[in-house]
């Protein structure tokens, strides 16, 4: 069984554009899994893991059926932390053989061999100290190094100040993450916060030769969920 986050009394599966990372703007079907092994202070989907809303248990067959209702063959597995449920994910993905699959992860759990092969794109978001988590829990260089070696992984760092950028670069170097695979994304959960941070984050990208990631879903819909 899979446990999905619940939104408005229903499993959180929706059709939208990818708001972040290298495929931003691309139509996708999102499947938000429940539970996370971290607890970021600024998480904007904390309801998926903090126990305030119970998860919804579905068979892989039912989850695949719901995903197939949308006229789109690109699936994003998001969370929470999807790899907490990785033992069930191959069963789900075998039911969706024509889907390209993005997996969003915090980079602290090693995907198994089947997922390393099957996933089209890993969107890895290692957490910096401002997340409020202990570094020993968030920073797993061996796992990040393995993900980088697939050449299917992109590494997105949420930044609030230039010191965050410098920390991200130091840590990335220690995990053999190439600079061309790094994206900087503003720390922002509302449209107003994003507007305030966007230009400064672009300036850091130009200064350090890194890619910029917007948060298009926030720019368009503000803090609305399920989009």
N, C-alpha and C. Protein backbone atom coordinates (compact mmCIF):
# COMPACT_ATOMS: atom_id res chain seq x y z
N UNK A 1 0.84 -1.20 0.00
CA UNK A 1 0.00 0.00 0.00
C UNK A 1 0.88 1.25 0.00
N UNK A 2 0.38 2.28 -0.67
CA UNK A 2 0.99 3.59 -0.64
C UNK A 2 0.20 4.48 0.31
N UNK A 3 0.89 5.39 1.00
CA UNK A 3 0.21 6.39 1.80
C UNK A 3 0.42 7.74 1.16
N UNK A 4 -0.69 8.34 0.73
CA UNK A 4 -0.65 9.65 0.08
C UNK A 4 -1.07 10.73 1.05
N UNK A 5 -0.55 11.94 0.84
CA UNK A 5 -1.05 13.08 1.59
C UNK A 5 -2.51 13.32 1.19
N UNK A 6 -3.23 13.92 2.12
CA UNK A 6 -4.65 14.19 1.90
C UNK A 6 -4.87 15.69 1.77
N UNK A 7 -5.64 16.08 0.77
CA UNK A 7 -5.99 17.48 0.56
C UNK A 7 -7.47 17.55 0.25
N UNK A 8 -8.20 18.36 1.02
CA UNK A 8 -9.66 18.50 0.85
C UNK A 8 -10.35 17.15 0.89
N UNK A 9 -9.85 16.25 1.74
CA UNK A 9 -10.49 14.96 1.94
C UNK A 9 -10.19 13.92 0.88
N UNK A 10 -9.29 14.24 -0.06
CA UNK A 10 -8.97 13.33 -1.15
C UNK A 10 -7.46 13.09 -1.23
N UNK A 11 -7.04 11.94 -1.76
CA UNK A 11 -5.60 11.73 -2.00
C UNK A 11 -5.06 12.85 -2.89
N UNK A 12 -3.89 13.36 -2.57
CA UNK A 12 -3.37 14.50 -3.32
C UNK A 12 -2.68 14.04 -4.61
N UNK A 13 -3.48 13.96 -5.65
CA UNK A 13 -3.01 13.70 -7.01
C UNK A 13 -3.61 14.79 -7.87
N UNK A 14 -2.77 15.52 -8.61
CA UNK A 14 -3.29 16.64 -9.39
C UNK A 14 -2.44 16.87 -10.63
N UNK A 15 -3.02 17.59 -11.57
CA UNK A 15 -2.38 17.90 -12.86
C UNK A 15 -2.03 19.38 -12.88
N UNK A 16 -0.77 19.69 -13.07
CA UNK A 16 -0.35 21.09 -13.08
C UNK A 16 0.95 21.19 -13.87
N UNK A 17 1.60 22.34 -13.78
CA UNK A 17 2.94 22.48 -14.34
C UNK A 17 3.95 22.30 -13.22
N UNK A 18 5.13 21.79 -13.59
CA UNK A 18 6.22 21.71 -12.63
C UNK A 18 6.66 23.14 -12.29
N UNK A 19 6.65 23.45 -10.99
CA UNK A 19 6.95 24.82 -10.59
C UNK A 19 8.41 25.09 -10.32
N UNK A 20 9.23 24.05 -10.17
CA UNK A 20 10.60 24.22 -9.72
C UNK A 20 11.56 23.37 -10.55
N UNK A 21 12.82 23.75 -10.51
CA UNK A 21 13.86 22.91 -11.10
C UNK A 21 14.00 23.06 -12.61
N UNK A 22 14.74 22.12 -13.20
CA UNK A 22 15.09 22.25 -14.61
C UNK A 22 13.93 22.00 -15.54
N UNK A 23 12.86 21.32 -15.06
CA UNK A 23 11.71 21.07 -15.92
C UNK A 23 10.54 21.97 -15.59
N UNK A 24 10.81 23.09 -14.90
CA UNK A 24 9.71 23.99 -14.55
C UNK A 24 8.97 24.45 -15.80
N UNK A 25 7.65 24.54 -15.65
CA UNK A 25 6.78 24.89 -16.77
C UNK A 25 6.23 23.70 -17.52
N UNK A 26 6.75 22.49 -17.25
CA UNK A 26 6.33 21.29 -17.95
C UNK A 26 5.06 20.72 -17.32
N UNK A 27 4.03 20.38 -18.12
CA UNK A 27 2.85 19.73 -17.55
C UNK A 27 3.21 18.39 -16.92
N UNK A 28 2.69 18.14 -15.72
CA UNK A 28 3.00 16.92 -14.97
C UNK A 28 1.77 16.49 -14.17
N UNK A 29 1.72 15.21 -13.85
CA UNK A 29 0.80 14.71 -12.84
C UNK A 29 1.60 14.56 -11.55
N UNK A 30 1.11 15.16 -10.47
CA UNK A 30 1.80 15.12 -9.18
C UNK A 30 1.12 14.12 -8.27
N UNK A 31 1.92 13.31 -7.62
CA UNK A 31 1.44 12.36 -6.63
C UNK A 31 2.23 12.65 -5.35
N UNK A 32 1.52 13.23 -4.36
CA UNK A 32 2.21 13.64 -3.12
C UNK A 32 2.10 12.54 -2.07
N UNK A 33 3.23 11.94 -1.76
CA UNK A 33 3.27 10.88 -0.76
C UNK A 33 3.41 11.47 0.64
N UNK A 34 2.87 10.76 1.62
CA UNK A 34 2.91 11.22 3.00
C UNK A 34 4.20 10.78 3.69
N UNK A 35 4.51 11.45 4.77
CA UNK A 35 5.62 11.15 5.67
C UNK A 35 6.95 11.73 5.18
N UNK A 36 7.77 12.11 6.15
CA UNK A 36 9.10 12.64 5.85
C UNK A 36 10.02 12.29 7.02
N UNK A 37 11.30 12.11 6.71
CA UNK A 37 12.28 11.82 7.76
C UNK A 37 12.96 13.08 8.27
N UNK A 38 12.60 14.26 7.72
CA UNK A 38 13.10 15.53 8.21
C UNK A 38 11.91 16.39 8.65
N UNK A 39 12.20 17.54 9.22
CA UNK A 39 11.14 18.45 9.67
C UNK A 39 11.62 19.88 9.45
N UNK A 40 11.55 20.34 8.21
CA UNK A 40 12.05 21.67 7.89
C UNK A 40 11.12 22.74 8.45
N UNK A 41 11.73 23.75 9.07
CA UNK A 41 10.95 24.79 9.74
C UNK A 41 10.09 25.58 8.77
N UNK A 42 10.50 25.67 7.51
CA UNK A 42 9.78 26.48 6.53
C UNK A 42 9.00 25.64 5.52
N UNK A 43 8.86 24.34 5.77
CA UNK A 43 8.19 23.46 4.81
C UNK A 43 6.77 23.95 4.52
N UNK A 44 6.43 24.08 3.23
CA UNK A 44 5.09 24.55 2.87
C UNK A 44 4.12 23.40 2.57
N UNK A 45 4.58 22.15 2.80
CA UNK A 45 3.67 21.01 2.69
C UNK A 45 3.77 20.15 3.96
N UNK A 46 3.92 20.81 5.10
CA UNK A 46 4.09 20.09 6.36
C UNK A 46 2.90 19.20 6.69
N UNK A 47 1.73 19.53 6.15
CA UNK A 47 0.55 18.69 6.39
C UNK A 47 0.74 17.27 5.86
N UNK A 48 1.70 17.08 4.96
CA UNK A 48 1.94 15.75 4.40
C UNK A 48 2.69 14.84 5.36
N UNK A 49 3.27 15.42 6.44
CA UNK A 49 4.07 14.59 7.34
C UNK A 49 3.93 14.89 8.83
N UNK A 50 3.29 16.00 9.21
CA UNK A 50 3.32 16.37 10.62
C UNK A 50 2.15 15.84 11.44
N UNK A 51 1.30 15.04 10.84
CA UNK A 51 0.22 14.41 11.58
C UNK A 51 -1.04 15.23 11.73
N UNK A 52 -1.05 16.47 11.21
CA UNK A 52 -2.25 17.29 11.35
C UNK A 52 -3.38 16.79 10.46
N UNK A 53 -3.02 16.15 9.34
CA UNK A 53 -4.01 15.57 8.43
C UNK A 53 -3.60 14.12 8.19
N UNK A 54 -4.48 13.16 8.44
CA UNK A 54 -4.10 11.76 8.23
C UNK A 54 -3.87 11.45 6.77
N UNK A 55 -2.92 10.56 6.50
CA UNK A 55 -2.68 10.14 5.12
C UNK A 55 -3.79 9.23 4.62
N UNK A 56 -3.79 9.00 3.32
CA UNK A 56 -4.77 8.13 2.66
C UNK A 56 -4.03 6.94 2.09
N UNK A 57 -4.43 5.74 2.46
CA UNK A 57 -3.77 4.53 1.98
C UNK A 57 -4.46 4.04 0.71
N UNK A 58 -3.64 3.84 -0.34
CA UNK A 58 -4.13 3.36 -1.63
C UNK A 58 -3.27 2.21 -2.11
N UNK A 59 -3.85 1.29 -2.84
CA UNK A 59 -3.04 0.28 -3.51
C UNK A 59 -2.30 0.95 -4.67
N UNK A 60 -1.16 0.41 -5.09
CA UNK A 60 -0.49 0.94 -6.28
C UNK A 60 -1.41 0.95 -7.49
N UNK A 61 -2.28 -0.05 -7.58
CA UNK A 61 -3.21 -0.12 -8.72
C UNK A 61 -4.17 1.07 -8.73
N UNK A 62 -4.68 1.44 -7.55
CA UNK A 62 -5.60 2.58 -7.48
C UNK A 62 -4.87 3.89 -7.75
N UNK A 63 -3.66 4.01 -7.22
CA UNK A 63 -2.89 5.23 -7.47
C UNK A 63 -2.59 5.37 -8.96
N UNK A 64 -2.23 4.27 -9.63
CA UNK A 64 -1.97 4.31 -11.06
C UNK A 64 -3.24 4.68 -11.83
N UNK A 65 -4.37 4.12 -11.41
CA UNK A 65 -5.64 4.44 -12.07
C UNK A 65 -5.94 5.94 -11.98
N UNK A 66 -5.72 6.53 -10.81
CA UNK A 66 -5.97 7.96 -10.64
C UNK A 66 -5.01 8.79 -11.50
N UNK A 67 -3.75 8.39 -11.55
CA UNK A 67 -2.78 9.12 -12.37
C UNK A 67 -3.13 9.07 -13.85
N UNK A 68 -3.66 7.94 -14.29
CA UNK A 68 -3.98 7.74 -15.71
C UNK A 68 -5.22 8.51 -16.14
N UNK A 69 -5.94 9.10 -15.22
CA UNK A 69 -7.11 9.90 -15.58
C UNK A 69 -6.72 11.21 -16.25
N UNK A 70 -5.46 11.60 -16.09
CA UNK A 70 -5.02 12.88 -16.65
C UNK A 70 -4.33 12.66 -17.99
N UNK A 71 -4.51 13.59 -18.94
CA UNK A 71 -3.91 13.45 -20.28
C UNK A 71 -2.45 13.88 -20.30
N UNK A 72 -1.64 13.25 -19.48
CA UNK A 72 -0.26 13.66 -19.31
C UNK A 72 0.55 12.43 -18.94
N UNK A 73 1.73 12.30 -19.52
CA UNK A 73 2.55 11.12 -19.27
C UNK A 73 3.88 11.49 -18.62
N UNK A 74 3.82 12.48 -17.76
CA UNK A 74 4.98 12.82 -16.93
C UNK A 74 4.50 12.88 -15.49
N UNK A 75 5.07 12.03 -14.64
CA UNK A 75 4.65 11.89 -13.25
C UNK A 75 5.72 12.47 -12.34
N UNK A 76 5.31 13.22 -11.32
CA UNK A 76 6.22 13.71 -10.30
C UNK A 76 5.84 13.06 -8.97
N UNK A 77 6.76 12.30 -8.41
CA UNK A 77 6.60 11.73 -7.07
C UNK A 77 7.19 12.71 -6.09
N UNK A 78 6.33 13.27 -5.25
CA UNK A 78 6.78 14.31 -4.34
C UNK A 78 6.30 13.98 -2.93
N UNK A 79 6.50 14.88 -2.00
CA UNK A 79 6.14 14.56 -0.63
C UNK A 79 6.04 15.79 0.22
N UNK A 80 6.39 15.59 1.49
CA UNK A 80 7.06 14.51 2.16
C UNK A 80 8.37 14.06 1.49
N UNK A 81 8.77 12.88 1.87
CA UNK A 81 9.95 12.23 1.30
C UNK A 81 9.51 10.91 0.66
N UNK A 82 9.40 10.87 -0.68
CA UNK A 82 8.87 9.67 -1.35
C UNK A 82 9.67 8.40 -1.09
N UNK A 83 10.97 8.51 -0.86
CA UNK A 83 11.78 7.30 -0.72
C UNK A 83 11.53 6.56 0.59
N UNK A 84 10.80 7.17 1.52
CA UNK A 84 10.38 6.41 2.70
C UNK A 84 9.51 5.22 2.26
N UNK A 85 8.80 5.38 1.14
CA UNK A 85 7.90 4.33 0.65
C UNK A 85 8.47 3.63 -0.59
N UNK A 86 9.79 3.62 -0.73
CA UNK A 86 10.37 3.14 -1.98
C UNK A 86 10.12 1.67 -2.26
N UNK A 87 9.83 0.86 -1.24
CA UNK A 87 9.57 -0.56 -1.50
C UNK A 87 8.33 -0.77 -2.35
N UNK A 88 7.39 0.17 -2.29
CA UNK A 88 6.14 0.04 -3.05
C UNK A 88 6.21 0.76 -4.39
N UNK A 89 7.13 1.71 -4.53
CA UNK A 89 7.16 2.53 -5.74
C UNK A 89 7.41 1.73 -7.03
N UNK A 90 8.30 0.74 -7.05
CA UNK A 90 8.47 -0.01 -8.30
C UNK A 90 7.18 -0.66 -8.79
N UNK A 91 6.35 -1.15 -7.87
CA UNK A 91 5.07 -1.74 -8.27
C UNK A 91 4.20 -0.70 -8.95
N UNK A 92 4.14 0.50 -8.38
CA UNK A 92 3.38 1.58 -8.99
C UNK A 92 3.91 1.91 -10.38
N UNK A 93 5.22 2.05 -10.50
CA UNK A 93 5.80 2.50 -11.76
C UNK A 93 5.71 1.45 -12.86
N UNK A 94 5.67 0.18 -12.48
CA UNK A 94 5.46 -0.86 -13.49
C UNK A 94 4.08 -0.76 -14.11
N UNK A 95 3.15 -0.15 -13.41
CA UNK A 95 1.80 0.06 -13.93
C UNK A 95 1.71 1.30 -14.81
N UNK A 96 2.78 2.07 -14.85
CA UNK A 96 2.83 3.31 -15.64
C UNK A 96 4.05 3.29 -16.56
N UNK A 97 4.15 2.28 -17.43
CA UNK A 97 5.39 2.11 -18.19
C UNK A 97 5.68 3.22 -19.18
N UNK A 98 4.66 3.98 -19.58
CA UNK A 98 4.86 5.03 -20.58
C UNK A 98 5.12 6.40 -19.95
N UNK A 99 5.15 6.47 -18.64
CA UNK A 99 5.36 7.74 -17.97
C UNK A 99 6.85 8.01 -17.75
N UNK A 100 7.26 9.23 -18.10
CA UNK A 100 8.52 9.75 -17.57
C UNK A 100 8.27 10.09 -16.11
N UNK A 101 9.26 9.84 -15.25
CA UNK A 101 9.03 9.99 -13.81
C UNK A 101 10.12 10.86 -13.18
N UNK A 102 9.69 11.94 -12.54
CA UNK A 102 10.57 12.74 -11.70
C UNK A 102 10.35 12.33 -10.25
N UNK A 103 11.42 12.20 -9.50
CA UNK A 103 11.32 11.90 -8.08
C UNK A 103 11.99 13.01 -7.29
N UNK A 104 11.23 13.61 -6.38
CA UNK A 104 11.74 14.70 -5.56
C UNK A 104 12.15 14.14 -4.20
N UNK A 105 13.39 14.40 -3.81
CA UNK A 105 13.94 13.79 -2.60
C UNK A 105 14.86 14.76 -1.88
N UNK A 106 14.99 14.57 -0.58
CA UNK A 106 15.92 15.42 0.17
C UNK A 106 17.35 14.86 0.17
N UNK A 107 17.56 13.71 -0.47
CA UNK A 107 18.91 13.18 -0.63
C UNK A 107 19.48 12.49 0.58
N UNK A 108 18.61 12.01 1.49
CA UNK A 108 19.10 11.34 2.68
C UNK A 108 18.82 9.84 2.69
N UNK A 109 18.12 9.33 1.68
CA UNK A 109 17.78 7.92 1.59
C UNK A 109 18.24 7.41 0.22
N UNK A 110 18.99 6.32 0.21
CA UNK A 110 19.50 5.78 -1.05
C UNK A 110 18.39 5.06 -1.81
N UNK A 111 18.13 5.44 -3.06
CA UNK A 111 17.17 4.69 -3.86
C UNK A 111 17.71 3.30 -4.18
N UNK A 112 16.81 2.32 -4.29
CA UNK A 112 17.27 0.99 -4.63
C UNK A 112 17.62 0.92 -6.12
N UNK A 113 18.18 -0.21 -6.53
CA UNK A 113 18.71 -0.33 -7.89
C UNK A 113 17.62 -0.15 -8.94
N UNK A 114 16.43 -0.68 -8.68
CA UNK A 114 15.36 -0.56 -9.67
C UNK A 114 14.93 0.89 -9.86
N UNK A 115 14.84 1.63 -8.77
CA UNK A 115 14.47 3.03 -8.90
C UNK A 115 15.57 3.85 -9.56
N UNK A 116 16.82 3.56 -9.23
CA UNK A 116 17.92 4.27 -9.89
C UNK A 116 17.85 4.11 -11.41
N UNK A 117 17.39 2.95 -11.85
CA UNK A 117 17.27 2.68 -13.28
C UNK A 117 15.99 3.30 -13.86
N UNK A 118 14.89 3.19 -13.14
CA UNK A 118 13.57 3.55 -13.69
C UNK A 118 13.31 5.05 -13.67
N UNK A 119 13.76 5.75 -12.64
CA UNK A 119 13.45 7.18 -12.53
C UNK A 119 14.11 7.95 -13.68
N UNK A 120 13.35 8.83 -14.29
CA UNK A 120 13.86 9.64 -15.40
C UNK A 120 14.72 10.79 -14.90
N UNK A 121 14.29 11.40 -13.80
CA UNK A 121 14.98 12.60 -13.28
C UNK A 121 14.85 12.66 -11.77
N UNK A 122 15.96 12.81 -11.09
CA UNK A 122 15.96 13.01 -9.65
C UNK A 122 16.08 14.51 -9.36
N UNK A 123 15.12 15.05 -8.63
CA UNK A 123 15.16 16.44 -8.18
C UNK A 123 15.55 16.42 -6.70
N UNK A 124 16.83 16.65 -6.44
CA UNK A 124 17.38 16.47 -5.10
C UNK A 124 17.50 17.84 -4.42
N UNK A 125 16.96 17.92 -3.21
CA UNK A 125 16.99 19.19 -2.48
C UNK A 125 17.65 18.99 -1.12
N UNK A 126 18.99 18.99 -1.07
CA UNK A 126 19.67 18.86 0.22
C UNK A 126 19.35 20.06 1.10
N UNK A 127 19.17 19.81 2.38
CA UNK A 127 18.75 20.87 3.29
C UNK A 127 19.95 21.52 3.97
N UNK A 128 19.94 22.84 3.99
CA UNK A 128 20.97 23.64 4.63
C UNK A 128 20.60 23.89 6.10
N UNK A 129 21.53 24.42 6.92
CA UNK A 129 21.24 24.60 8.35
C UNK A 129 19.98 25.41 8.66
N UNK A 130 19.60 26.36 7.78
CA UNK A 130 18.41 27.17 8.08
C UNK A 130 17.12 26.36 8.06
N UNK A 131 17.19 25.09 7.63
CA UNK A 131 16.00 24.25 7.63
C UNK A 131 15.58 23.85 9.05
N UNK A 132 16.52 24.01 10.01
CA UNK A 132 16.23 23.63 11.38
C UNK A 132 16.52 22.19 11.72
N UNK A 133 17.03 21.42 10.75
CA UNK A 133 17.41 20.03 10.98
C UNK A 133 18.89 19.94 11.35
N UNK A 134 19.25 18.91 12.08
CA UNK A 134 20.65 18.69 12.39
C UNK A 134 21.40 18.25 11.12
N UNK A 135 22.60 18.76 10.94
CA UNK A 135 23.38 18.46 9.74
C UNK A 135 23.61 16.96 9.60
N UNK A 136 23.79 16.25 10.70
CA UNK A 136 24.01 14.80 10.63
C UNK A 136 22.83 14.08 9.99
N UNK A 137 21.64 14.66 10.07
CA UNK A 137 20.45 14.06 9.48
C UNK A 137 20.27 14.47 8.02
N UNK A 138 20.74 15.65 7.66
CA UNK A 138 20.44 16.19 6.33
C UNK A 138 21.55 15.95 5.31
N UNK A 139 22.77 15.76 5.78
CA UNK A 139 23.89 15.75 4.85
C UNK A 139 24.47 14.35 4.73
N UNK A 140 24.18 13.67 3.61
CA UNK A 140 24.61 12.30 3.35
C UNK A 140 25.42 12.28 2.05
N UNK A 141 26.71 12.66 2.11
CA UNK A 141 27.48 12.83 0.88
C UNK A 141 27.59 11.58 0.04
N UNK A 142 27.62 10.40 0.64
CA UNK A 142 27.72 9.17 -0.17
C UNK A 142 26.47 8.97 -1.01
N UNK A 143 25.31 9.29 -0.45
CA UNK A 143 24.06 9.17 -1.20
C UNK A 143 24.02 10.21 -2.31
N UNK A 144 24.40 11.44 -1.99
CA UNK A 144 24.40 12.50 -3.00
C UNK A 144 25.38 12.19 -4.12
N UNK A 145 26.53 11.63 -3.75
CA UNK A 145 27.53 11.27 -4.75
C UNK A 145 26.98 10.20 -5.70
N UNK A 146 26.26 9.23 -5.14
CA UNK A 146 25.68 8.17 -5.97
C UNK A 146 24.60 8.74 -6.90
N UNK A 147 23.78 9.63 -6.38
CA UNK A 147 22.76 10.24 -7.23
C UNK A 147 23.41 11.07 -8.34
N UNK A 148 24.45 11.81 -8.01
CA UNK A 148 25.14 12.60 -9.03
C UNK A 148 25.73 11.72 -10.11
N UNK A 149 26.18 10.52 -9.74
CA UNK A 149 26.82 9.63 -10.71
C UNK A 149 25.84 9.09 -11.75
N UNK A 150 24.54 9.16 -11.47
CA UNK A 150 23.55 8.70 -12.46
C UNK A 150 23.44 9.65 -13.64
N UNK A 151 23.88 10.88 -13.45
CA UNK A 151 23.74 11.95 -14.44
C UNK A 151 22.28 12.23 -14.77
N UNK A 152 21.38 11.82 -13.86
CA UNK A 152 19.95 12.13 -13.99
C UNK A 152 19.49 13.03 -12.86
N UNK A 153 20.41 13.44 -12.00
CA UNK A 153 20.05 14.21 -10.81
C UNK A 153 20.42 15.68 -10.95
N UNK A 154 19.53 16.53 -10.45
CA UNK A 154 19.77 17.96 -10.32
C UNK A 154 19.64 18.31 -8.84
N UNK A 155 20.45 19.24 -8.37
CA UNK A 155 20.55 19.53 -6.95
C UNK A 155 20.13 20.97 -6.68
N UNK A 156 19.01 21.10 -6.02
CA UNK A 156 18.38 22.40 -5.78
C UNK A 156 18.57 22.79 -4.33
N UNK A 157 19.22 23.93 -4.11
CA UNK A 157 19.45 24.43 -2.76
C UNK A 157 18.57 25.66 -2.52
N UNK A 158 17.81 25.61 -1.44
CA UNK A 158 16.98 26.73 -1.03
C UNK A 158 17.85 27.70 -0.24
N UNK A 159 17.89 28.96 -0.68
CA UNK A 159 18.81 29.93 -0.08
C UNK A 159 18.07 31.19 0.38
N UNK A 160 18.56 31.74 1.48
CA UNK A 160 18.00 32.98 2.02
C UNK A 160 19.03 34.09 2.10
N UNK A 161 20.33 33.73 2.03
CA UNK A 161 21.40 34.72 2.12
C UNK A 161 22.62 34.17 1.39
N UNK A 162 23.61 35.04 1.17
CA UNK A 162 24.78 34.60 0.42
C UNK A 162 25.58 33.54 1.16
N UNK A 163 25.55 33.56 2.48
CA UNK A 163 26.25 32.52 3.24
C UNK A 163 25.65 31.15 2.95
N UNK A 164 24.33 31.10 2.70
CA UNK A 164 23.70 29.83 2.29
C UNK A 164 24.29 29.33 0.98
N UNK A 165 24.53 30.25 0.06
CA UNK A 165 25.10 29.87 -1.24
C UNK A 165 26.50 29.29 -1.04
N UNK A 166 27.31 29.95 -0.22
CA UNK A 166 28.67 29.47 0.02
C UNK A 166 28.65 28.11 0.71
N UNK A 167 27.73 27.92 1.66
CA UNK A 167 27.61 26.62 2.32
C UNK A 167 27.21 25.55 1.33
N UNK A 168 26.26 25.86 0.46
CA UNK A 168 25.83 24.89 -0.55
C UNK A 168 26.98 24.48 -1.46
N UNK A 169 27.78 25.43 -1.86
CA UNK A 169 28.90 25.12 -2.75
C UNK A 169 29.96 24.28 -2.04
N UNK A 170 30.24 24.59 -0.78
CA UNK A 170 31.21 23.78 -0.04
C UNK A 170 30.73 22.34 0.10
N UNK A 171 29.48 22.18 0.46
CA UNK A 171 28.94 20.85 0.65
C UNK A 171 28.85 20.09 -0.68
N UNK A 172 28.45 20.78 -1.72
CA UNK A 172 28.36 20.14 -3.03
C UNK A 172 29.72 19.64 -3.50
N UNK A 173 30.75 20.43 -3.26
CA UNK A 173 32.10 20.02 -3.63
C UNK A 173 32.49 18.75 -2.89
N UNK A 174 32.10 18.65 -1.62
CA UNK A 174 32.43 17.47 -0.83
C UNK A 174 31.70 16.22 -1.25
N UNK A 175 30.63 16.39 -2.03
CA UNK A 175 29.86 15.24 -2.52
C UNK A 175 30.03 15.04 -4.02
N UNK A 176 31.00 15.71 -4.61
CA UNK A 176 31.30 15.58 -6.05
C UNK A 176 30.10 15.94 -6.92
N UNK A 177 29.35 16.95 -6.50
CA UNK A 177 28.24 17.45 -7.30
C UNK A 177 28.77 18.54 -8.22
N UNK A 178 28.68 18.36 -9.53
CA UNK A 178 29.20 19.39 -10.44
C UNK A 178 28.37 20.67 -10.39
N UNK A 179 29.03 21.80 -10.51
CA UNK A 179 28.35 23.10 -10.41
C UNK A 179 27.24 23.24 -11.44
N UNK A 180 27.43 22.63 -12.61
CA UNK A 180 26.41 22.76 -13.66
C UNK A 180 25.12 22.01 -13.34
N UNK A 181 25.14 21.22 -12.26
CA UNK A 181 23.93 20.49 -11.83
C UNK A 181 23.29 21.13 -10.60
N UNK A 182 23.77 22.30 -10.20
CA UNK A 182 23.26 22.98 -9.01
C UNK A 182 22.31 24.09 -9.42
N UNK A 183 21.19 24.18 -8.70
CA UNK A 183 20.25 25.28 -8.86
C UNK A 183 20.07 25.97 -7.52
N UNK A 184 19.92 27.29 -7.56
CA UNK A 184 19.56 28.05 -6.37
C UNK A 184 18.11 28.47 -6.47
N UNK A 185 17.36 28.28 -5.38
CA UNK A 185 15.95 28.66 -5.34
C UNK A 185 15.69 29.53 -4.12
N UNK A 186 14.94 30.62 -4.27
CA UNK A 186 14.70 31.50 -3.12
C UNK A 186 13.89 30.80 -2.03
N UNK A 187 14.23 31.09 -0.78
CA UNK A 187 13.41 30.65 0.34
C UNK A 187 12.18 31.53 0.36
N UNK A 188 11.04 30.97 -0.01
CA UNK A 188 9.81 31.75 -0.11
C UNK A 188 8.62 30.81 -0.14
N UNK A 189 7.61 31.12 0.67
CA UNK A 189 6.39 30.31 0.69
C UNK A 189 5.17 31.09 0.22
N UNK A 190 5.34 32.39 -0.05
CA UNK A 190 4.26 33.22 -0.55
C UNK A 190 4.75 34.03 -1.74
N UNK A 191 3.82 34.56 -2.51
CA UNK A 191 4.19 35.37 -3.68
C UNK A 191 4.99 36.59 -3.24
N UNK A 192 4.59 37.22 -2.14
CA UNK A 192 5.31 38.42 -1.67
C UNK A 192 6.74 38.08 -1.28
N UNK A 193 6.94 36.96 -0.60
CA UNK A 193 8.29 36.54 -0.22
C UNK A 193 9.12 36.23 -1.46
N UNK A 194 8.50 35.56 -2.43
CA UNK A 194 9.21 35.22 -3.66
C UNK A 194 9.62 36.48 -4.42
N UNK A 195 8.72 37.43 -4.53
CA UNK A 195 9.03 38.68 -5.22
C UNK A 195 10.19 39.40 -4.54
N UNK A 196 10.24 39.31 -3.21
CA UNK A 196 11.29 40.00 -2.46
C UNK A 196 12.65 39.34 -2.63
N UNK A 197 12.67 38.03 -2.88
CA UNK A 197 13.93 37.27 -2.92
C UNK A 197 14.44 36.98 -4.33
N UNK A 198 13.58 37.07 -5.33
CA UNK A 198 13.94 36.56 -6.66
C UNK A 198 15.16 37.28 -7.25
N UNK A 199 15.15 38.60 -7.27
CA UNK A 199 16.24 39.35 -7.91
C UNK A 199 17.57 39.08 -7.22
N UNK A 200 17.56 39.02 -5.89
CA UNK A 200 18.81 38.77 -5.16
C UNK A 200 19.34 37.37 -5.47
N UNK A 201 18.45 36.39 -5.56
CA UNK A 201 18.88 35.03 -5.85
C UNK A 201 19.46 34.94 -7.26
N UNK A 202 18.86 35.63 -8.21
CA UNK A 202 19.42 35.68 -9.56
C UNK A 202 20.81 36.30 -9.54
N UNK A 203 20.99 37.34 -8.75
CA UNK A 203 22.32 37.97 -8.65
C UNK A 203 23.35 36.97 -8.14
N UNK A 204 23.00 36.16 -7.14
CA UNK A 204 23.93 35.14 -6.65
C UNK A 204 24.22 34.11 -7.73
N UNK A 205 23.21 33.73 -8.50
CA UNK A 205 23.43 32.78 -9.59
C UNK A 205 24.43 33.33 -10.60
N UNK A 206 24.30 34.59 -10.93
CA UNK A 206 25.23 35.21 -11.87
C UNK A 206 26.63 35.29 -11.26
N UNK A 207 26.71 35.59 -9.99
CA UNK A 207 28.01 35.76 -9.32
C UNK A 207 28.78 34.44 -9.25
N UNK A 208 28.05 33.34 -9.02
CA UNK A 208 28.71 32.05 -8.81
C UNK A 208 28.55 31.10 -9.99
N UNK A 209 27.92 31.54 -11.06
CA UNK A 209 27.79 30.71 -12.26
C UNK A 209 26.86 29.53 -12.08
N UNK A 210 25.73 29.74 -11.38
CA UNK A 210 24.80 28.67 -11.09
C UNK A 210 23.45 28.93 -11.75
N UNK A 211 22.63 27.88 -11.85
CA UNK A 211 21.31 28.02 -12.44
C UNK A 211 20.32 28.53 -11.40
N UNK A 212 19.30 29.23 -11.90
CA UNK A 212 18.24 29.76 -11.04
C UNK A 212 17.00 28.90 -11.19
N UNK A 213 16.36 28.63 -10.06
CA UNK A 213 15.05 27.98 -10.09
C UNK A 213 14.02 28.90 -9.47
N UNK A 214 12.99 29.19 -10.23
CA UNK A 214 11.87 29.95 -9.70
C UNK A 214 10.96 29.01 -8.92
N UNK A 215 9.87 29.54 -8.41
CA UNK A 215 8.78 28.74 -7.81
C UNK A 215 7.50 29.19 -8.51
N UNK A 216 7.30 28.66 -9.73
CA UNK A 216 6.23 29.17 -10.59
C UNK A 216 4.85 28.99 -9.98
N UNK A 217 4.64 27.90 -9.26
CA UNK A 217 3.32 27.67 -8.68
C UNK A 217 2.99 28.74 -7.65
N UNK A 218 4.01 29.23 -6.92
CA UNK A 218 3.77 30.31 -5.97
C UNK A 218 3.59 31.64 -6.71
N UNK A 219 4.39 31.88 -7.74
CA UNK A 219 4.26 33.11 -8.52
C UNK A 219 2.86 33.22 -9.13
N UNK A 220 2.28 32.09 -9.53
CA UNK A 220 0.98 32.10 -10.20
C UNK A 220 -0.17 32.04 -9.21
N UNK A 221 -0.09 31.08 -8.24
CA UNK A 221 -1.23 30.80 -7.37
C UNK A 221 -1.00 31.20 -5.91
N UNK A 222 0.12 31.86 -5.62
CA UNK A 222 0.50 32.20 -4.25
C UNK A 222 0.62 30.93 -3.41
N UNK A 223 0.07 30.87 -2.21
CA UNK A 223 0.31 29.72 -1.33
C UNK A 223 -0.78 28.66 -1.42
N UNK A 224 -1.56 28.68 -2.48
CA UNK A 224 -2.62 27.68 -2.68
C UNK A 224 -2.03 26.28 -2.82
N UNK A 225 -2.69 25.30 -2.23
CA UNK A 225 -2.23 23.91 -2.29
C UNK A 225 -2.96 23.16 -3.41
N UNK A 226 -2.38 22.05 -3.83
CA UNK A 226 -3.02 21.21 -4.84
C UNK A 226 -2.94 21.77 -6.24
N UNK A 227 -1.94 22.64 -6.48
CA UNK A 227 -1.74 23.19 -7.82
C UNK A 227 -0.31 22.91 -8.25
